[in-house]
Each structure stands twice: as C-alpha cells, then as structure tokens.
Amino acid sequence: MYLTSETKKSFFKEFGKSEFDTGSSEGQIALFTFRIKHLTGHLKINKKDKATERSLVALVGKRRKLLDYLKENDIERYRSIIKKLGIRK
C-alpha cells in the first residue's frame, strides 16, 4: 500500500504541530496533495478508470475547501503551506 501509517505520521509531523495532530488544516492539505499526486500518476497509466477519476476530483475539492478556509482565517499559514508544497505560483 502506498500510504502507510508511518507515512501519514511523517506528513502530520512535518506540516502539522505534531504527528498526532491529524486535524490540522496543514497536515490534511499535505496528505491530500500526496494522494492527489499518486492518483494522477495512476490515471496517466489507466485512462479509463472513471472511479479513480471521480475520487481524484473529490480530493481536489476537499483540498480546495481547506485552502479557502486557511486563506480566509490565517493568510500567513496559507502562504507557508502553498510554498512548502509547491501547489501554487
């Protein structure tokens, strides 16, 4: 499996406050970004996999909502997470 509990803990430790802080917006955005990159690679190989394509669109929507939330409430956290992940210009 591509996403183990150790991988998740490392994301939450790097982007969140601690490895047990799974509710932070930054940690969730980082995890969604990792999953989006994985699914994008899968869809490049399997072009007709519509179920995965639907899941990818849902993940992008969830990440977009979290980014919008961060942008409205704390612009500095928003800027730091997009800079770390490289998901924006």
Protein backbone atom coordinates (compact mmCIF):
# COMPACT_ATOMS: atom_id res chain seq x y z
CA MET A 1 0.00 0.00 0.00
CA TYR A 2 1.31 3.41 -0.92
CA LEU A 3 0.03 5.20 2.20
CA THR A 4 1.12 3.60 5.47
CA SER A 5 0.56 4.90 8.97
CA GLU A 6 4.25 5.88 9.17
CA THR A 7 3.86 7.96 6.02
CA LYS A 8 0.82 9.71 7.46
CA LYS A 9 2.62 10.39 10.74
CA SER A 10 5.54 11.91 8.87
CA PHE A 11 3.21 14.25 6.98
CA PHE A 12 1.45 15.36 10.15
CA LYS A 13 4.78 15.77 11.94
CA GLU A 14 6.29 17.85 9.12
CA PHE A 15 3.30 20.02 8.29
CA GLY A 16 1.17 19.90 11.44
CA LYS A 17 2.02 20.61 15.05
CA SER A 18 2.86 17.01 15.92
CA GLU A 19 2.49 13.55 14.44
CA PHE A 20 -0.70 13.05 16.47
CA ASP A 21 -2.30 16.33 15.32
CA THR A 22 -4.30 14.84 12.48
CA GLY A 23 -6.90 17.60 12.48
CA SER A 24 -4.69 20.50 11.46
CA SER A 25 -5.52 22.00 8.11
CA GLU A 26 -1.89 21.98 7.01
CA GLY A 27 -1.49 18.27 7.71
CA GLN A 28 -4.69 17.40 5.90
CA ILE A 29 -3.73 19.52 2.89
CA ALA A 30 -0.33 17.84 2.73
CA LEU A 31 -1.93 14.39 2.90
CA PHE A 32 -4.48 15.27 0.22
CA THR A 33 -1.68 16.60 -2.00
CA PHE A 34 0.24 13.33 -1.65
CA ARG A 35 -2.88 11.32 -2.52
CA ILE A 36 -3.69 13.61 -5.48
CA LYS A 37 -0.20 13.13 -6.91
CA HIS A 38 -0.49 9.36 -6.52
CA LEU A 39 -3.91 9.21 -8.19
CA THR A 40 -2.74 11.48 -11.01
CA GLY A 41 0.09 9.08 -11.76
CA HIS A 42 -2.35 6.17 -11.71
CA LEU A 43 -4.70 7.93 -14.12
CA LYS A 44 -1.89 8.65 -16.58
CA ILE A 45 -1.46 4.90 -16.94
CA ASN A 46 -5.13 3.86 -16.63
CA LYS A 47 -7.02 6.44 -18.65
CA LYS A 48 -10.40 4.69 -18.49
CA ASP A 49 -10.53 4.31 -14.70
CA LYS A 50 -13.52 6.57 -14.08
CA ALA A 51 -13.95 5.62 -10.41
CA THR A 52 -10.45 6.83 -9.62
CA GLU A 53 -11.03 9.96 -11.66
CA ARG A 54 -14.13 10.71 -9.59
CA SER A 55 -12.17 10.16 -6.37
CA LEU A 56 -9.46 12.50 -7.62
CA VAL A 57 -11.97 15.25 -8.33
CA ALA A 58 -13.44 14.82 -4.83
CA LEU A 59 -9.98 15.05 -3.24
CA VAL A 60 -9.14 18.19 -5.19
CA GLY A 61 -12.42 19.71 -3.98
CA LYS A 62 -11.68 18.85 -0.36
CA ARG A 63 -8.20 20.33 -0.61
CA ARG A 64 -9.60 23.45 -2.27
CA LYS A 65 -12.09 23.94 0.59
CA LEU A 66 -9.36 23.60 3.20
CA LEU A 67 -7.14 26.04 1.33
CA ASP A 68 -10.00 28.53 1.08
CA TYR A 69 -10.61 28.17 4.83
CA LEU A 70 -6.96 28.84 5.59
CA LYS A 71 -6.88 31.79 3.21
CA GLU A 72 -9.84 33.44 4.92
CA ASN A 73 -8.73 32.81 8.51
CA ASP A 74 -4.92 32.92 8.51
CA ILE A 75 -3.23 34.17 5.36
CA GLU A 76 0.30 33.51 6.68
CA ARG A 77 -0.41 29.80 7.28
CA TYR A 78 -1.95 29.65 3.80
CA ARG A 79 1.13 31.20 2.20
CA SER A 80 3.51 28.94 4.09
CA ILE A 81 1.69 25.71 3.17
CA ILE A 82 1.43 26.53 -0.53
CA LYS A 83 5.11 27.46 -0.55
CA LYS A 84 6.14 24.22 1.17
CA LEU A 85 4.01 22.02 -1.07
CA GLY A 86 4.55 23.97 -4.27
CA ILE A 87 0.91 23.79 -5.32
CA ARG A 88 0.56 27.43 -6.36
CA LYS A 89 2.57 30.08 -8.13
